[in-house]
Each structure stands twice: as structure tokens, then as C-alpha cells.
Amino acid sequence: KGNDDIKGLLELFGYFHDSCLKELMMWTDSY
């Protein structure tokens, strides 16, 4: 919701250090 939440996530996940994007999925409401 704001900068405090951002800081909390980045600190919790170590600023993504030594991480990888394993998977991603995208979708829309169109069909």
C-alpha cells in the first residue's frame, strides 16, 4: 500500500539478492 510495505518486502526478501524468476503467468479478462 505504500513505501513502508515496499521497504518491508525488500528487506524480508533480501532485495532479491541471489534470487531467480522461476515462473510467471499472465492473463486478462478477455476470452
PDB file of all heavy atoms in Angstrom:
ATOM      1  N   LYS A   1       0.808  -1.219   0.000  1.00  0.00           N
ATOM      2  CA  LYS A   1       0.000   0.000   0.000  1.00  0.00           C
ATOM      3  C   LYS A   1       0.841   1.269   0.000  1.00  0.00           C
ATOM      4  O   LYS A   1       0.338   2.344  -0.304  1.00  0.00           O
ATOM      5  CB  LYS A   1      -0.931   0.008   1.209  1.00  0.00           C
ATOM      6  CG  LYS A   1      -1.953  -1.104   1.180  1.00  0.00           C
ATOM      7  CD  LYS A   1      -2.821  -1.081   2.411  1.00  0.00           C
ATOM      8  CE  LYS A   1      -3.799  -2.220   2.400  1.00  0.00           C
ATOM      9  NZ  LYS A   1      -4.566  -2.339   3.627  1.00  0.00           N
ATOM     10  N   GLY A   2       2.110   1.157   0.378  1.00  0.00           N
ATOM     11  CA  GLY A   2       2.941   2.350   0.460  1.00  0.00           C
ATOM     12  C   GLY A   2       4.407   1.990   0.640  1.00  0.00           C
ATOM     13  O   GLY A   2       4.803   0.821   0.593  1.00  0.00           O
ATOM     14  N   ASN A   3       5.208   3.001   0.879  1.00  0.00           N
ATOM     15  CA  ASN A   3       6.655   2.820   0.970  1.00  0.00           C
ATOM     16  C   ASN A   3       7.096   1.939   2.139  1.00  0.00           C
ATOM     17  O   ASN A   3       8.103   1.237   2.033  1.00  0.00           O
ATOM     18  CB  ASN A   3       7.356   4.176   1.012  1.00  0.00           C
ATOM     19  CG  ASN A   3       7.302   4.866  -0.341  1.00  0.00           C
ATOM     20  OD1 ASN A   3       7.445   4.219  -1.378  1.00  0.00           O
ATOM     21  ND2 ASN A   3       7.074   6.174  -0.336  1.00  0.00           N
ATOM     22  N   ASP A   4       6.356   1.962   3.246  1.00  0.00           N
ATOM     23  CA  ASP A   4       6.712   1.083   4.360  1.00  0.00           C
ATOM     24  C   ASP A   4       6.536  -0.384   3.981  1.00  0.00           C
ATOM     25  O   ASP A   4       7.359  -1.239   4.335  1.00  0.00           O
ATOM     26  CB  ASP A   4       5.877   1.407   5.604  1.00  0.00           C
ATOM     27  CG  ASP A   4       6.265   2.733   6.249  1.00  0.00           C
ATOM     28  OD1 ASP A   4       7.380   3.226   5.974  1.00  0.00           O
ATOM     29  OD2 ASP A   4       5.457   3.271   7.028  1.00  0.00           O
ATOM     30  N   ASP A   5       5.463  -0.684   3.240  1.00  0.00           N
ATOM     31  CA  ASP A   5       5.239  -2.056   2.771  1.00  0.00           C
ATOM     32  C   ASP A   5       6.324  -2.476   1.784  1.00  0.00           C
ATOM     33  O   ASP A   5       6.783  -3.621   1.801  1.00  0.00           O
ATOM     34  CB  ASP A   5       3.868  -2.185   2.098  1.00  0.00           C
ATOM     35  CG  ASP A   5       2.725  -1.900   3.049  1.00  0.00           C
ATOM     36  OD1 ASP A   5       2.828  -2.229   4.244  1.00  0.00           O
ATOM     37  OD2 ASP A   5       1.707  -1.356   2.585  1.00  0.00           O
ATOM     38  N   ILE A   6       6.720  -1.552   0.915  1.00  0.00           N
ATOM     39  CA  ILE A   6       7.788  -1.830  -0.053  1.00  0.00           C
ATOM     40  C   ILE A   6       9.085  -2.154   0.679  1.00  0.00           C
ATOM     41  O   ILE A   6       9.743  -3.156   0.402  1.00  0.00           O
ATOM     42  CB  ILE A   6       7.984  -0.634  -1.006  1.00  0.00           C
ATOM     43  CG1 ILE A   6       6.787  -0.513  -1.948  1.00  0.00           C
ATOM     44  CG2 ILE A   6       9.291  -0.751  -1.778  1.00  0.00           C
ATOM     45  CD1 ILE A   6       6.773   0.761  -2.773  1.00  0.00           C
ATOM     46  N   LYS A   7       9.442  -1.287   1.626  1.00  0.00           N
ATOM     47  CA  LYS A   7      10.677  -1.495   2.379  1.00  0.00           C
ATOM     48  C   LYS A   7      10.637  -2.830   3.121  1.00  0.00           C
ATOM     49  O   LYS A   7      11.619  -3.579   3.137  1.00  0.00           O
ATOM     50  CB  LYS A   7      10.881  -0.346   3.369  1.00  0.00           C
ATOM     51  CG  LYS A   7      12.157  -0.462   4.170  1.00  0.00           C
ATOM     52  CD  LYS A   7      12.333   0.713   5.128  1.00  0.00           C
ATOM     53  CE  LYS A   7      13.602   0.539   5.932  1.00  0.00           C
ATOM     54  NZ  LYS A   7      13.739   1.560   6.961  1.00  0.00           N
ATOM     55  N   GLY A   8       9.492  -3.158   3.710  1.00  0.00           N
ATOM     56  CA  GLY A   8       9.355  -4.412   4.434  1.00  0.00           C
ATOM     57  C   GLY A   8       9.559  -5.626   3.537  1.00  0.00           C
ATOM     58  O   GLY A   8      10.263  -6.566   3.908  1.00  0.00           O
ATOM     59  N   LEU A   9       8.962  -5.613   2.344  1.00  0.00           N
ATOM     60  CA  LEU A   9       9.122  -6.739   1.431  1.00  0.00           C
ATOM     61  C   LEU A   9      10.557  -6.851   0.935  1.00  0.00           C
ATOM     62  O   LEU A   9      11.138  -7.934   0.933  1.00  0.00           O
ATOM     63  CB  LEU A   9       8.173  -6.608   0.235  1.00  0.00           C
ATOM     64  CG  LEU A   9       8.373  -7.641  -0.880  1.00  0.00           C
ATOM     65  CD1 LEU A   9       8.213  -9.068  -0.351  1.00  0.00           C
ATOM     66  CD2 LEU A   9       7.444  -7.372  -2.041  1.00  0.00           C
ATOM     67  N   LEU A  10      11.144  -5.724   0.523  1.00  0.00           N
ATOM     68  CA  LEU A  10      12.520  -5.765   0.024  1.00  0.00           C
ATOM     69  C   LEU A  10      13.492  -6.253   1.104  1.00  0.00           C
ATOM     70  O   LEU A  10      14.382  -7.062   0.812  1.00  0.00           O
ATOM     71  CB  LEU A  10      12.938  -4.393  -0.505  1.00  0.00           C
ATOM     72  CG  LEU A  10      12.262  -3.950  -1.809  1.00  0.00           C
ATOM     73  CD1 LEU A  10      12.663  -2.517  -2.153  1.00  0.00           C
ATOM     74  CD2 LEU A  10      12.574  -4.905  -2.957  1.00  0.00           C
ATOM     75  N   GLU A  11      13.319  -5.790   2.322  1.00  0.00           N
ATOM     76  CA  GLU A  11      14.199  -6.251   3.403  1.00  0.00           C
ATOM     77  C   GLU A  11      13.959  -7.727   3.713  1.00  0.00           C
ATOM     78  O   GLU A  11      14.908  -8.488   3.908  1.00  0.00           O
ATOM     79  CB  GLU A  11      14.007  -5.382   4.649  1.00  0.00           C
ATOM     80  CG  GLU A  11      14.606  -4.000   4.477  1.00  0.00           C
ATOM     81  CD  GLU A  11      14.405  -3.100   5.695  1.00  0.00           C
ATOM     82  OE1 GLU A  11      13.719  -3.507   6.664  1.00  0.00           O
ATOM     83  OE2 GLU A  11      14.940  -1.976   5.661  1.00  0.00           O
ATOM     84  N   LEU A  12      12.700  -8.151   3.759  1.00  0.00           N
ATOM     85  CA  LEU A  12      12.384  -9.542   4.061  1.00  0.00           C
ATOM     86  C   LEU A  12      12.978 -10.484   3.020  1.00  0.00           C
ATOM     87  O   LEU A  12      13.499 -11.545   3.360  1.00  0.00           O
ATOM     88  CB  LEU A  12      10.867  -9.739   4.117  1.00  0.00           C
ATOM     89  CG  LEU A  12      10.404 -11.168   4.392  1.00  0.00           C
ATOM     90  CD1 LEU A  12      10.653 -11.537   5.855  1.00  0.00           C
ATOM     91  CD2 LEU A  12       8.939 -11.328   4.050  1.00  0.00           C
ATOM     92  N   PHE A  13      12.931 -10.092   1.746  1.00  0.00           N
ATOM     93  CA  PHE A  13      13.415 -10.963   0.671  1.00  0.00           C
ATOM     94  C   PHE A  13      14.828 -10.573   0.226  1.00  0.00           C
ATOM     95  O   PHE A  13      15.281 -10.954  -0.845  1.00  0.00           O
ATOM     96  CB  PHE A  13      12.440 -10.946  -0.508  1.00  0.00           C
ATOM     97  CG  PHE A  13      12.474 -12.201  -1.343  1.00  0.00           C
ATOM     98  CD1 PHE A  13      12.173 -13.435  -0.788  1.00  0.00           C
ATOM     99  CD2 PHE A  13      12.810 -12.150  -2.676  1.00  0.00           C
ATOM    100  CE1 PHE A  13      12.211 -14.599  -1.560  1.00  0.00           C
ATOM    101  CE2 PHE A  13      12.851 -13.303  -3.456  1.00  0.00           C
ATOM    102  CZ  PHE A  13      12.543 -14.527  -2.897  1.00  0.00           C
ATOM    103  N   GLY A  14      15.538  -9.842   1.084  1.00  0.00           N
ATOM    104  CA  GLY A  14      16.947  -9.536   0.829  1.00  0.00           C
ATOM    105  C   GLY A  14      17.193  -8.766  -0.447  1.00  0.00           C
ATOM    106  O   GLY A  14      18.220  -8.977  -1.098  1.00  0.00           O
ATOM    107  N   TYR A  15      16.248  -7.889  -0.799  1.00  0.00           N
ATOM    108  CA  TYR A  15      16.347  -7.106  -2.035  1.00  0.00           C
ATOM    109  C   TYR A  15      16.524  -8.011  -3.255  1.00  0.00           C
ATOM    110  O   TYR A  15      17.125  -7.626  -4.238  1.00  0.00           O
ATOM    111  CB  TYR A  15      17.451  -6.056  -1.942  1.00  0.00           C
ATOM    112  CG  TYR A  15      17.094  -4.957  -0.983  1.00  0.00           C
ATOM    113  CD1 TYR A  15      17.297  -5.107   0.393  1.00  0.00           C
ATOM    114  CD2 TYR A  15      16.513  -3.784  -1.419  1.00  0.00           C
ATOM    115  CE1 TYR A  15      16.935  -4.117   1.291  1.00  0.00           C
ATOM    116  CE2 TYR A  15      16.154  -2.779  -0.530  1.00  0.00           C
ATOM    117  CZ  TYR A  15      16.364  -2.953   0.817  1.00  0.00           C
ATOM    118  OH  TYR A  15      15.993  -1.962   1.707  1.00  0.00           O
ATOM    119  N   PHE A  16      16.009  -9.242  -3.150  1.00  0.00           N
ATOM    120  CA  PHE A  16      16.040 -10.252  -4.219  1.00  0.00           C
ATOM    121  C   PHE A  16      17.458 -10.732  -4.512  1.00  0.00           C
ATOM    122  O   PHE A  16      17.709 -11.333  -5.557  1.00  0.00           O
ATOM    123  CB  PHE A  16      15.361  -9.737  -5.494  1.00  0.00           C
ATOM    124  CG  PHE A  16      13.867  -9.608  -5.366  1.00  0.00           C
ATOM    125  CD1 PHE A  16      13.293  -8.559  -4.658  1.00  0.00           C
ATOM    126  CD2 PHE A  16      13.034 -10.544  -5.940  1.00  0.00           C
ATOM    127  CE1 PHE A  16      11.913  -8.441  -4.543  1.00  0.00           C
ATOM    128  CE2 PHE A  16      11.654 -10.445  -5.819  1.00  0.00           C
ATOM    129  CZ  PHE A  16      11.094  -9.389  -5.118  1.00  0.00           C
ATOM    130  N   HIS A  17      18.409 -10.499  -3.587  1.00  0.00           N
ATOM    131  CA  HIS A  17      19.795 -10.930  -3.803  1.00  0.00           C
ATOM    132  C   HIS A  17      19.859 -12.455  -3.944  1.00  0.00           C
ATOM    133  O   HIS A  17      19.244 -13.181  -3.172  1.00  0.00           O
ATOM    134  CB  HIS A  17      20.687 -10.474  -2.644  1.00  0.00           C
ATOM    135  CG  HIS A  17      22.107 -10.910  -2.804  1.00  0.00           C
ATOM    136  ND1 HIS A  17      22.945 -10.355  -3.740  1.00  0.00           N
ATOM    137  CD2 HIS A  17      22.817 -11.867  -2.168  1.00  0.00           C
ATOM    138  CE1 HIS A  17      24.124 -10.946  -3.665  1.00  0.00           C
ATOM    139  NE2 HIS A  17      24.075 -11.875  -2.717  1.00  0.00           N
ATOM    140  N   ASP A  18      20.612 -12.915  -4.934  1.00  0.00           N
ATOM    141  CA  ASP A  18      20.761 -14.344  -5.229  1.00  0.00           C
ATOM    142  C   ASP A  18      19.401 -15.023  -5.391  1.00  0.00           C
ATOM    143  O   ASP A  18      19.140 -16.100  -4.856  1.00  0.00           O
ATOM    144  CB  ASP A  18      21.582 -15.064  -4.162  1.00  0.00           C
ATOM    145  CG  ASP A  18      23.067 -14.806  -4.326  1.00  0.00           C
ATOM    146  OD1 ASP A  18      23.480 -14.303  -5.387  1.00  0.00           O
ATOM    147  OD2 ASP A  18      23.826 -15.122  -3.391  1.00  0.00           O
ATOM    148  N   SER A  19      18.534 -14.380  -6.155  1.00  0.00           N
ATOM    149  CA  SER A  19      17.224 -14.960  -6.443  1.00  0.00           C
ATOM    150  C   SER A  19      17.105 -15.198  -7.948  1.00  0.00           C
ATOM    151  O   SER A  19      17.986 -14.835  -8.732  1.00  0.00           O
ATOM    152  CB  SER A  19      16.100 -14.035  -5.956  1.00  0.00           C
ATOM    153  OG  SER A  19      16.021 -12.871  -6.749  1.00  0.00           O
ATOM    154  N   CYS A  20      16.009 -15.823  -8.318  1.00  0.00           N
ATOM    155  CA  CYS A  20      15.720 -16.021  -9.738  1.00  0.00           C
ATOM    156  C   CYS A  20      14.214 -15.982  -9.934  1.00  0.00           C
ATOM    157  O   CYS A  20      13.450 -16.300  -9.017  1.00  0.00           O
ATOM    158  CB  CYS A  20      16.288 -17.343 -10.240  1.00  0.00           C
ATOM    159  SG  CYS A  20      15.606 -18.812  -9.439  1.00  0.00           S
ATOM    160  N   LEU A  21      13.820 -15.564 -11.117  1.00  0.00           N
ATOM    161  CA  LEU A  21      12.421 -15.641 -11.508  1.00  0.00           C
ATOM    162  C   LEU A  21      12.183 -17.067 -11.978  1.00  0.00           C
ATOM    163  O   LEU A  21      12.704 -17.483 -13.011  1.00  0.00           O
ATOM    164  CB  LEU A  21      12.110 -14.638 -12.629  1.00  0.00           C
ATOM    165  CG  LEU A  21      10.721 -14.736 -13.249  1.00  0.00           C
ATOM    166  CD1 LEU A  21       9.621 -14.602 -12.222  1.00  0.00           C
ATOM    167  CD2 LEU A  21      10.581 -13.692 -14.350  1.00  0.00           C
ATOM    168  N   LYS A  22      11.460 -17.847 -11.202  1.00  0.00           N
ATOM    169  CA  LYS A  22      11.209 -19.254 -11.512  1.00  0.00           C
ATOM    170  C   LYS A  22      10.122 -19.398 -12.572  1.00  0.00           C
ATOM    171  O   LYS A  22      10.253 -20.151 -13.515  1.00  0.00           O
ATOM    172  CB  LYS A  22      10.823 -19.990 -10.220  1.00  0.00           C
ATOM    173  CG  LYS A  22      10.242 -21.372 -10.382  1.00  0.00           C
ATOM    174  CD  LYS A  22      11.296 -22.403 -10.748  1.00  0.00           C
ATOM    175  CE  LYS A  22      10.794 -23.824 -10.645  1.00  0.00           C
ATOM    176  NZ  LYS A  22       9.887 -24.266 -11.681  1.00  0.00           N
ATOM    177  N   GLU A  23       9.015 -18.667 -12.392  1.00  0.00           N
ATOM    178  CA  GLU A  23       7.884 -18.786 -13.305  1.00  0.00           C
ATOM    179  C   GLU A  23       7.117 -17.472 -13.336  1.00  0.00           C
ATOM    180  O   GLU A  23       7.181 -16.687 -12.393  1.00  0.00           O
ATOM    181  CB  GLU A  23       6.912 -19.873 -12.838  1.00  0.00           C
ATOM    182  CG  GLU A  23       7.497 -21.243 -12.739  1.00  0.00           C
ATOM    183  CD  GLU A  23       6.500 -22.263 -12.199  1.00  0.00           C
ATOM    184  OE1 GLU A  23       5.305 -22.203 -12.551  1.00  0.00           O
ATOM    185  OE2 GLU A  23       6.937 -23.119 -11.417  1.00  0.00           O
ATOM    186  N   LEU A  24       6.369 -17.278 -14.434  1.00  0.00           N
ATOM    187  CA  LEU A  24       5.409 -16.188 -14.467  1.00  0.00           C
ATOM    188  C   LEU A  24       4.207 -16.611 -15.286  1.00  0.00           C
ATOM    189  O   LEU A  24       4.309 -17.460 -16.166  1.00  0.00           O
ATOM    190  CB  LEU A  24       6.016 -14.887 -14.985  1.00  0.00           C
ATOM    191  CG  LEU A  24       6.343 -14.688 -16.453  1.00  0.00           C
ATOM    192  CD1 LEU A  24       5.130 -14.241 -17.231  1.00  0.00           C
ATOM    193  CD2 LEU A  24       7.411 -13.620 -16.560  1.00  0.00           C
ATOM    194  N   MET A  25       3.076 -16.036 -14.951  1.00  0.00           N
ATOM    195  CA  MET A  25       1.836 -16.309 -15.653  1.00  0.00           C
ATOM    196  C   MET A  25       1.104 -14.985 -15.829  1.00  0.00           C
ATOM    197  O   MET A  25       1.039 -14.175 -14.908  1.00  0.00           O
ATOM    198  CB  MET A  25       0.973 -17.285 -14.847  1.00  0.00           C
ATOM    199  CG  MET A  25      -0.336 -17.613 -15.518  1.00  0.00           C
ATOM    200  SD  MET A  25      -1.294 -18.892 -14.663  1.00  0.00           S
ATOM    201  CE  MET A  25      -1.532 -18.172 -13.054  1.00  0.00           C
ATOM    202  N   MET A  26       0.567 -14.773 -17.033  1.00  0.00           N
ATOM    203  CA  MET A  26      -0.173 -13.555 -17.333  1.00  0.00           C
ATOM    204  C   MET A  26      -1.543 -13.932 -17.865  1.00  0.00           C
ATOM    205  O   MET A  26      -1.679 -14.934 -18.562  1.00  0.00           O
ATOM    206  CB  MET A  26       0.572 -12.740 -18.386  1.00  0.00           C
ATOM    207  CG  MET A  26      -0.048 -11.387 -18.625  1.00  0.00           C
ATOM    208  SD  MET A  26       0.204 -10.805 -20.311  1.00  0.00           S
ATOM    209  CE  MET A  26      -1.112 -11.607 -21.153  1.00  0.00           C
ATOM    210  N   TRP A  27      -2.575 -13.138 -17.535  1.00  0.00           N
ATOM    211  CA  TRP A  27      -3.903 -13.367 -18.083  1.00  0.00           C
ATOM    212  C   TRP A  27      -4.689 -12.064 -18.096  1.00  0.00           C
ATOM    213  O   TRP A  27      -4.309 -11.076 -17.457  1.00  0.00           O
ATOM    214  CB  TRP A  27      -4.645 -14.457 -17.304  1.00  0.00           C
ATOM    215  CG  TRP A  27      -5.065 -14.091 -15.908  1.00  0.00           C
ATOM    216  CD1 TRP A  27      -6.297 -13.663 -15.512  1.00  0.00           C
ATOM    217  CD2 TRP A  27      -4.259 -14.129 -14.728  1.00  0.00           C
ATOM    218  NE1 TRP A  27      -6.303 -13.436 -14.154  1.00  0.00           N
ATOM    219  CE2 TRP A  27      -5.070 -13.722 -13.657  1.00  0.00           C
ATOM    220  CE3 TRP A  27      -2.926 -14.466 -14.472  1.00  0.00           C
ATOM    221  CZ2 TRP A  27      -4.595 -13.630 -12.350  1.00  0.00           C
ATOM    222  CZ3 TRP A  27      -2.459 -14.385 -13.176  1.00  0.00           C
ATOM    223  CH2 TRP A  27      -3.288 -13.975 -12.137  1.00  0.00           C
ATOM    224  N   THR A  28      -5.762 -12.074 -18.880  1.00  0.00           N
ATOM    225  CA  THR A  28      -6.683 -10.941 -18.954  1.00  0.00           C
ATOM    226  C   THR A  28      -8.099 -11.467 -18.742  1.00  0.00           C
ATOM    227  O   THR A  28      -8.317 -12.674 -18.650  1.00  0.00           O
ATOM    228  CB  THR A  28      -6.609 -10.239 -20.332  1.00  0.00           C
ATOM    229  OG1 THR A  28      -7.146 -11.122 -21.324  1.00  0.00           O
ATOM    230  CG2 THR A  28      -5.186  -9.831 -20.671  1.00  0.00           C
ATOM    231  N   ASP A  29      -9.055 -10.551 -18.710  1.00  0.00           N
ATOM    232  CA  ASP A  29     -10.458 -10.947 -18.592  1.00  0.00           C
ATOM    233  C   ASP A  29     -11.085 -11.220 -19.957  1.00  0.00           C
ATOM    234  O   ASP A  29     -12.263 -11.564 -20.034  1.00  0.00           O
ATOM    235  CB  ASP A  29     -11.254  -9.857 -17.870  1.00  0.00           C
ATOM    236  CG  ASP A  29     -10.835  -9.710 -16.415  1.00  0.00           C
ATOM    237  OD1 ASP A  29     -10.301 -10.688 -15.848  1.00  0.00           O
ATOM    238  OD2 ASP A  29     -11.038  -8.613 -15.842  1.00  0.00           O
ATOM    239  N   SER A  30     -10.341 -11.062 -21.037  1.00  0.00           N
ATOM    240  CA  SER A  30     -10.860 -11.282 -22.383  1.00  0.00           C
ATOM    241  C   SER A  30     -10.830 -12.765 -22.743  1.00  0.00           C
ATOM    242  O   SER A  30      -9.927 -13.486 -22.345  1.00  0.00           O
ATOM    243  CB  SER A  30     -10.026 -10.505 -23.405  1.00  0.00           C
ATOM    244  OG  SER A  30     -10.073  -9.129 -23.131  1.00  0.00           O
ATOM    245  N   TYR A  31     -11.833 -13.202 -23.502  1.00  0.00           N
ATOM    246  CA  TYR A  31     -11.886 -14.591 -23.967  1.00  0.00           C
ATOM    247  C   TYR A  31     -12.919 -14.715 -25.082  1.00  0.00           C
ATOM    248  O   TYR A  31     -13.760 -13.836 -25.277  1.00  0.00           O
ATOM    249  CB  TYR A  31     -12.245 -15.546 -22.824  1.00  0.00           C
ATOM    250  CG  TYR A  31     -13.620 -15.317 -22.243  1.00  0.00           C
ATOM    251  CD1 TYR A  31     -14.725 -16.012 -22.726  1.00  0.00           C
ATOM    252  CD2 TYR A  31     -13.813 -14.394 -21.219  1.00  0.00           C
ATOM    253  CE1 TYR A  31     -15.992 -15.781 -22.205  1.00  0.00           C
ATOM    254  CE2 TYR A  31     -15.063 -14.165 -20.693  1.00  0.00           C
ATOM    255  CZ  TYR A  31     -16.152 -14.859 -21.185  1.00  0.00           C
ATOM    256  OH  TYR A  31     -17.401 -14.633 -20.671  1.00  0.00           O
TER     257      TYR A  31
END
